[in-house]
Amino acid sequence: TMGSVMGTNMVGGLVGWNIGGTIADSYSRASVNGADEVGGLVGRSSVGRGAAYLQRSYSTGAVSGSGDDIGGLLGRATGGPTVDEHCYWDTQTSGAAMSAGGTGKTTAELMRLETFTDTDTVGLDEAWDMAAVGHGETDPMATWKIVDGRGYPFLNWERVRVEVQLELKAGWNMVAVPRGLAAGEDTVEKVFKGDIGA
């Protein structure tokens, strides 16, 4: 998910309240704001008839709340342990140092293939099904793809995504915009996120 999510309690970038379910192979880049039980991916996770699972998922959006249980990936786990397997949140972009589940990683770490495939990585016991690709490349056999060192992982059905940071100088700055963007996606505001001065 992208964009922003706002609410009061049990607010998550992807799921507000997970009751004994499994959330796997997912991510959220949405900013999340609420009061209590706010998480970058899941606001609250509770044991239902079985354990609640979070598997191979991550979040990167800013997380904020005015109350208790604010977490980078998961706001609060209740009724027993939520099993988080190989899940991460970005400690820099989220602004959250803590989480009720998952392992915090820096932005640079979350843009590296080895974070998700090298089982010596803290928080990773089993490698994600992930392949490194370049621009215009694909690997139909892998669940996840990543442009190593240039962007966060994305799912196989998505287009290649990379993060670009430009240093603009006073005066004219010329930047090429990729061809073939869908109508409405080819504007300066869509291509270059954040604050843009005239």
C-alpha atoms as a PDB file:
ATOM      1  CA  THR A   1       0.000   0.000   0.000  1.00  0.00           C
ATOM      2  CA  MET A   2       1.033   3.598  -0.565  1.00  0.00           C
ATOM      3  CA  GLY A   3      -0.415   6.914   0.588  1.00  0.00           C
ATOM      4  CA  SER A   4      -1.558   7.591   4.131  1.00  0.00           C
ATOM      5  CA  VAL A   5      -3.818   5.988   6.715  1.00  0.00           C
ATOM      6  CA  MET A   6      -5.419   7.916   9.578  1.00  0.00           C
ATOM      7  CA  GLY A   7      -7.671   6.683  12.348  1.00  0.00           C
ATOM      8  CA  THR A   8      -8.096   6.427  16.085  1.00  0.00           C
ATOM      9  CA  ASN A   9      -7.306   2.941  17.419  1.00  0.00           C
ATOM     10  CA  MET A  10      -5.972  -0.205  15.739  1.00  0.00           C
ATOM     11  CA  VAL A  11      -4.595   1.622  12.723  1.00  0.00           C
ATOM     12  CA  GLY A  12      -2.145  -0.072  10.361  1.00  0.00           C
ATOM     13  CA  GLY A  13      -0.606   0.630   6.988  1.00  0.00           C
ATOM     14  CA  LEU A  14      -2.143  -2.575   5.636  1.00  0.00           C
ATOM     15  CA  VAL A  15      -4.351  -4.091   8.377  1.00  0.00           C
ATOM     16  CA  GLY A  16      -5.970  -2.467  11.411  1.00  0.00           C
ATOM     17  CA  TRP A  17      -6.683  -5.619  13.446  1.00  0.00           C
ATOM     18  CA  ASN A  18      -5.459  -9.084  12.544  1.00  0.00           C
ATOM     19  CA  ILE A  19      -7.327 -11.742  14.569  1.00  0.00           C
ATOM     20  CA  GLY A  20      -5.551 -15.070  14.288  1.00  0.00           C
ATOM     21  CA  GLY A  21      -4.825 -14.687  10.591  1.00  0.00           C
ATOM     22  CA  THR A  22      -1.727 -14.910   8.448  1.00  0.00           C
ATOM     23  CA  ILE A  23      -0.336 -11.885   6.632  1.00  0.00           C
ATOM     24  CA  ALA A  24       2.419 -12.941   4.251  1.00  0.00           C
ATOM     25  CA  ASP A  25       4.420 -11.524   1.353  1.00  0.00           C
ATOM     26  CA  SER A  26       3.136  -7.996   1.801  1.00  0.00           C
ATOM     27  CA  TYR A  27       4.380  -4.508   2.461  1.00  0.00           C
ATOM     28  CA  SER A  28       3.192  -1.015   3.270  1.00  0.00           C
ATOM     29  CA  ARG A  29       4.839   2.262   2.380  1.00  0.00           C
ATOM     30  CA  ALA A  30       1.914   4.299   3.722  1.00  0.00           C
ATOM     31  CA  SER A  31       2.286   6.817   6.512  1.00  0.00           C
ATOM     32  CA  VAL A  32       0.124   5.835   9.489  1.00  0.00           C
ATOM     33  CA  ASN A  33      -1.301   8.120  12.155  1.00  0.00           C
ATOM     34  CA  GLY A  34      -3.663   7.386  15.017  1.00  0.00           C
ATOM     35  CA  ALA A  35      -3.999   7.328  18.774  1.00  0.00           C
ATOM     36  CA  ASP A  36      -3.441   3.838  20.252  1.00  0.00           C
ATOM     37  CA  GLU A  37      -2.267   0.582  18.644  1.00  0.00           C
ATOM     38  CA  VAL A  38      -0.704   2.087  15.546  1.00  0.00           C
ATOM     39  CA  GLY A  39       1.681   0.115  13.338  1.00  0.00           C
ATOM     40  CA  GLY A  40       3.412   0.566  10.012  1.00  0.00           C
ATOM     41  CA  LEU A  41       1.912  -2.708   8.728  1.00  0.00           C
ATOM     42  CA  VAL A  42      -0.560  -3.873  11.411  1.00  0.00           C
ATOM     43  CA  GLY A  43      -2.105  -1.875  14.245  1.00  0.00           C
ATOM     44  CA  ARG A  44      -3.062  -4.808  16.482  1.00  0.00           C
ATOM     45  CA  SER A  45      -2.544  -8.547  16.144  1.00  0.00           C
ATOM     46  CA  SER A  46      -4.473 -10.981  18.341  1.00  0.00           C
ATOM     47  CA  VAL A  47      -4.521 -14.729  18.696  1.00  0.00           C
ATOM     48  CA  GLY A  48      -7.836 -16.138  17.494  1.00  0.00           C
ATOM     49  CA  ARG A  49      -8.379 -19.895  17.221  1.00  0.00           C
ATOM     50  CA  GLY A  50      -4.758 -20.165  16.245  1.00  0.00           C
ATOM     51  CA  ALA A  51      -1.650 -18.050  16.326  1.00  0.00           C
ATOM     52  CA  ALA A  52      -1.480 -14.769  14.422  1.00  0.00           C
ATOM     53  CA  TYR A  53       1.307 -14.806  11.863  1.00  0.00           C
ATOM     54  CA  LEU A  54       3.235 -12.088  10.071  1.00  0.00           C
ATOM     55  CA  GLN A  55       5.533 -13.550   7.431  1.00  0.00           C
ATOM     56  CA  ARG A  56       7.950 -12.054   4.899  1.00  0.00           C
ATOM     57  CA  SER A  57       6.547  -8.543   5.146  1.00  0.00           C
ATOM     58  CA  TYR A  58       7.905  -5.055   5.760  1.00  0.00           C
ATOM     59  CA  SER A  59       6.861  -1.434   6.238  1.00  0.00           C
ATOM     60  CA  THR A  60       8.603   1.869   5.576  1.00  0.00           C
ATOM     61  CA  GLY A  61       6.047   4.645   6.171  1.00  0.00           C
ATOM     62  CA  ALA A  62       6.140   7.228   8.941  1.00  0.00           C
ATOM     63  CA  VAL A  63       4.306   5.984  12.048  1.00  0.00           C
ATOM     64  CA  SER A  64       2.879   8.322  14.669  1.00  0.00           C
ATOM     65  CA  GLY A  65       0.355   8.146  17.465  1.00  0.00           C
ATOM     66  CA  SER A  66      -0.792  10.188  20.437  1.00  0.00           C
ATOM     67  CA  GLY A  67      -1.283   7.237  22.792  1.00  0.00           C
ATOM     68  CA  ASP A  68       0.212   3.855  23.582  1.00  0.00           C
ATOM     69  CA  ASP A  69       1.480   0.924  21.535  1.00  0.00           C
ATOM     70  CA  ILE A  70       3.036   2.653  18.541  1.00  0.00           C
ATOM     71  CA  GLY A  71       5.280   0.352  16.493  1.00  0.00           C
ATOM     72  CA  GLY A  72       7.305   0.491  13.322  1.00  0.00           C
ATOM     73  CA  LEU A  73       5.777  -2.755  11.991  1.00  0.00           C
ATOM     74  CA  LEU A  74       3.242  -3.837  14.633  1.00  0.00           C
ATOM     75  CA  GLY A  75       1.582  -1.623  17.234  1.00  0.00           C
ATOM     76  CA  ARG A  76       0.397  -4.242  19.713  1.00  0.00           C
ATOM     77  CA  ALA A  77       0.134  -8.037  20.077  1.00  0.00           C
ATOM     78  CA  THR A  78      -2.581  -9.348  22.442  1.00  0.00           C
ATOM     79  CA  GLY A  79      -3.954 -12.672  23.663  1.00  0.00           C
ATOM     80  CA  GLY A  80      -0.689 -14.510  23.133  1.00  0.00           C
ATOM     81  CA  PRO A  81       2.345 -14.155  20.937  1.00  0.00           C
ATOM     82  CA  THR A  82       2.123 -12.988  17.365  1.00  0.00           C
ATOM     83  CA  VAL A  83       4.629 -15.008  15.392  1.00  0.00           C
ATOM     84  CA  ASP A  84       6.601 -12.695  13.154  1.00  0.00           C
ATOM     85  CA  GLU A  85       8.783 -14.541  10.700  1.00  0.00           C
ATOM     86  CA  HIS A  86      11.333 -12.589   8.730  1.00  0.00           C
ATOM     87  CA  CYS A  87       9.550  -9.217   8.956  1.00  0.00           C
ATOM     88  CA  TYR A  88      11.152  -5.767   9.008  1.00  0.00           C
ATOM     89  CA  TRP A  89      10.432  -2.084   9.364  1.00  0.00           C
ATOM     90  CA  ASP A  90      12.529   0.906   8.317  1.00  0.00           C
ATOM     91  CA  THR A  91      13.726   2.588  11.505  1.00  0.00           C
ATOM     92  CA  GLN A  92      14.724   5.757   9.640  1.00  0.00           C
ATOM     93  CA  THR A  93      11.686   6.504   7.482  1.00  0.00           C
ATOM     94  CA  SER A  94       9.180   5.276  10.091  1.00  0.00           C
ATOM     95  CA  GLY A  95      10.584   7.337  12.920  1.00  0.00           C
ATOM     96  CA  ALA A  96       9.848   4.325  15.155  1.00  0.00           C
ATOM     97  CA  ALA A  97      12.587   2.716  17.216  1.00  0.00           C
ATOM     98  CA  MET A  98      10.280   0.041  18.658  1.00  0.00           C
ATOM     99  CA  SER A  99       7.713  -2.472  17.422  1.00  0.00           C
ATOM    100  CA  ALA A 100       5.661  -5.302  18.954  1.00  0.00           C
ATOM    101  CA  GLY A 101       7.057  -7.534  16.194  1.00  0.00           C
ATOM    102  CA  GLY A 102       9.610  -7.618  13.428  1.00  0.00           C
ATOM    103  CA  THR A 103      13.202  -6.434  13.226  1.00  0.00           C
ATOM    104  CA  GLY A 104      14.210  -2.818  12.658  1.00  0.00           C
ATOM    105  CA  LYS A 105      16.552  -2.113   9.733  1.00  0.00           C
ATOM    106  CA  THR A 106      17.986   1.035   8.165  1.00  0.00           C
ATOM    107  CA  THR A 107      16.850   2.235   4.754  1.00  0.00           C
ATOM    108  CA  ALA A 108      20.131   1.074   3.195  1.00  0.00           C
ATOM    109  CA  GLU A 109      19.739  -2.392   4.728  1.00  0.00           C
ATOM    110  CA  LEU A 110      16.182  -2.731   3.397  1.00  0.00           C
ATOM    111  CA  MET A 111      17.430  -1.931  -0.107  1.00  0.00           C
ATOM    112  CA  ARG A 112      19.966  -4.789  -0.093  1.00  0.00           C
ATOM    113  CA  LEU A 113      19.251  -8.269  -1.421  1.00  0.00           C
ATOM    114  CA  GLU A 114      21.374  -9.895   1.283  1.00  0.00           C
ATOM    115  CA  THR A 115      19.077  -8.546   4.041  1.00  0.00           C
ATOM    116  CA  PHE A 116      16.354 -10.837   2.694  1.00  0.00           C
ATOM    117  CA  THR A 117      18.411 -13.805   1.484  1.00  0.00           C
ATOM    118  CA  ASP A 118      21.448 -14.161   3.779  1.00  0.00           C
ATOM    119  CA  THR A 119      20.341 -16.175   6.816  1.00  0.00           C
ATOM    120  CA  ASP A 120      23.175 -14.636   8.847  1.00  0.00           C
ATOM    121  CA  THR A 121      21.080 -11.439   8.835  1.00  0.00           C
ATOM    122  CA  VAL A 122      19.560 -10.645  12.238  1.00  0.00           C
ATOM    123  CA  GLY A 123      15.863 -11.562  12.161  1.00  0.00           C
ATOM    124  CA  LEU A 124      16.150 -13.909   9.171  1.00  0.00           C
ATOM    125  CA  ASP A 125      16.122 -17.699   9.607  1.00  0.00           C
ATOM    126  CA  GLU A 126      14.817 -18.539   6.153  1.00  0.00           C
ATOM    127  CA  ALA A 127      15.522 -16.625   2.925  1.00  0.00           C
ATOM    128  CA  TRP A 128      12.741 -14.798   1.114  1.00  0.00           C
ATOM    129  CA  ASP A 129      11.974 -15.980  -2.421  1.00  0.00           C
ATOM    130  CA  MET A 130      13.664 -12.933  -3.972  1.00  0.00           C
ATOM    131  CA  ALA A 131      15.667 -12.195  -7.098  1.00  0.00           C
ATOM    132  CA  ALA A 132      17.808  -9.185  -7.999  1.00  0.00           C
ATOM    133  CA  VAL A 133      16.731  -7.529 -11.252  1.00  0.00           C
ATOM    134  CA  GLY A 134      17.796  -4.532 -13.313  1.00  0.00           C
ATOM    135  CA  HIS A 135      15.685  -1.992 -15.146  1.00  0.00           C
ATOM    136  CA  GLY A 136      13.313  -3.731 -17.517  1.00  0.00           C
ATOM    137  CA  GLU A 137      14.270  -7.186 -16.229  1.00  0.00           C
ATOM    138  CA  THR A 138      12.016  -9.677 -14.544  1.00  0.00           C
ATOM    139  CA  ASP A 139      12.226 -13.061 -12.889  1.00  0.00           C
ATOM    140  CA  PRO A 140       8.850 -14.789 -13.127  1.00  0.00           C
ATOM    141  CA  MET A 141       9.941 -17.543 -10.751  1.00  0.00           C
ATOM    142  CA  ALA A 142      10.572 -15.304  -7.714  1.00  0.00           C
ATOM    143  CA  THR A 143       7.832 -13.937  -5.438  1.00  0.00           C
ATOM    144  CA  TRP A 144       9.866 -10.796  -4.715  1.00  0.00           C
ATOM    145  CA  LYS A 145      12.190  -8.639  -6.829  1.00  0.00           C
ATOM    146  CA  ILE A 146      14.704  -5.983  -5.844  1.00  0.00           C
ATOM    147  CA  VAL A 147      16.996  -3.592  -7.676  1.00  0.00           C
ATOM    148  CA  ASP A 148      19.873  -4.246  -5.300  1.00  0.00           C
ATOM    149  CA  GLY A 149      20.990  -1.130  -3.463  1.00  0.00           C
ATOM    150  CA  ARG A 150      18.545   1.123  -5.347  1.00  0.00           C
ATOM    151  CA  GLY A 151      15.088   0.441  -3.954  1.00  0.00           C
ATOM    152  CA  TYR A 152      12.917  -1.508  -1.564  1.00  0.00           C
ATOM    153  CA  PRO A 153      11.724  -5.011  -2.530  1.00  0.00           C
ATOM    154  CA  PHE A 154       8.548  -5.243  -4.565  1.00  0.00           C
ATOM    155  CA  LEU A 155       6.292  -8.094  -5.603  1.00  0.00           C
ATOM    156  CA  ASN A 156       6.774  -9.964  -8.858  1.00  0.00           C
ATOM    157  CA  TRP A 157       3.683  -8.519 -10.551  1.00  0.00           C
ATOM    158  CA  GLU A 158       4.837  -4.922  -9.981  1.00  0.00           C
ATOM    159  CA  ARG A 159       6.986  -2.766 -12.247  1.00  0.00           C
ATOM    160  CA  VAL A 160      10.628  -2.138 -11.363  1.00  0.00           C
ATOM    161  CA  ARG A 161      10.933   0.553  -8.696  1.00  0.00           C
ATOM    162  CA  VAL A 162      14.022   2.437  -7.626  1.00  0.00           C
ATOM    163  CA  GLU A 163      14.582   5.270  -5.188  1.00  0.00           C
ATOM    164  CA  VAL A 164      16.300   8.341  -6.615  1.00  0.00           C
ATOM    165  CA  GLN A 165      17.536  11.342  -4.688  1.00  0.00           C
ATOM    166  CA  LEU A 166      18.471  14.410  -6.695  1.00  0.00           C
ATOM    167  CA  GLU A 167      20.515  17.329  -5.455  1.00  0.00           C
ATOM    168  CA  LEU A 168      19.124  20.421  -7.128  1.00  0.00           C
ATOM    169  CA  LYS A 169      21.159  23.611  -7.472  1.00  0.00           C
ATOM    170  CA  ALA A 170      19.995  27.211  -7.807  1.00  0.00           C
ATOM    171  CA  GLY A 171      19.117  27.964 -11.404  1.00  0.00           C
ATOM    172  CA  TRP A 172      18.105  25.485 -14.093  1.00  0.00           C
ATOM    173  CA  ASN A 173      18.037  21.760 -13.316  1.00  0.00           C
ATOM    174  CA  MET A 174      17.164  19.421 -16.158  1.00  0.00           C
ATOM    175  CA  VAL A 175      15.989  15.901 -15.435  1.00  0.00           C
ATOM    176  CA  ALA A 176      14.714  13.324 -17.912  1.00  0.00           C
ATOM    177  CA  VAL A 177      11.422  11.618 -17.088  1.00  0.00           C
ATOM    178  CA  PRO A 178      11.078   7.992 -18.239  1.00  0.00           C
ATOM    179  CA  ARG A 179       8.997   7.346 -21.330  1.00  0.00           C
ATOM    180  CA  GLY A 180       5.965   5.143 -21.239  1.00  0.00           C
ATOM    181  CA  LEU A 181       4.465   6.327 -17.961  1.00  0.00           C
ATOM    182  CA  ALA A 182       0.703   6.021 -17.804  1.00  0.00           C
ATOM    183  CA  ALA A 183      -1.382   9.163 -18.300  1.00  0.00           C
ATOM    184  CA  GLY A 184      -1.543  11.047 -15.040  1.00  0.00           C
ATOM    185  CA  GLU A 185       1.607   9.306 -13.760  1.00  0.00           C
ATOM    186  CA  ASP A 186       3.894  11.454 -15.939  1.00  0.00           C
ATOM    187  CA  THR A 187       3.599  14.698 -13.955  1.00  0.00           C
ATOM    188  CA  VAL A 188       6.416  16.276 -11.956  1.00  0.00           C
ATOM    189  CA  GLU A 189       4.446  15.698  -8.739  1.00  0.00           C
ATOM    190  CA  LYS A 190       4.007  11.963  -9.476  1.00  0.00           C
ATOM    191  CA  VAL A 191       7.587  11.340 -10.616  1.00  0.00           C
ATOM    192  CA  PHE A 192       9.313  13.412  -7.921  1.00  0.00           C
ATOM    193  CA  LYS A 193       7.783  12.927  -4.471  1.00  0.00           C
ATOM    194  CA  GLY A 194       8.211  15.343  -1.600  1.00  0.00           C
ATOM    195  CA  ASP A 195       8.579  19.118  -1.518  1.00  0.00           C
ATOM    196  CA  ILE A 196       9.281  20.615  -4.907  1.00  0.00           C
ATOM    197  CA  GLY A 197      10.084  24.292  -5.274  1.00  0.00           C
ATOM    198  CA  ALA A 198       9.308  26.253  -8.417  1.00  0.00           C
END
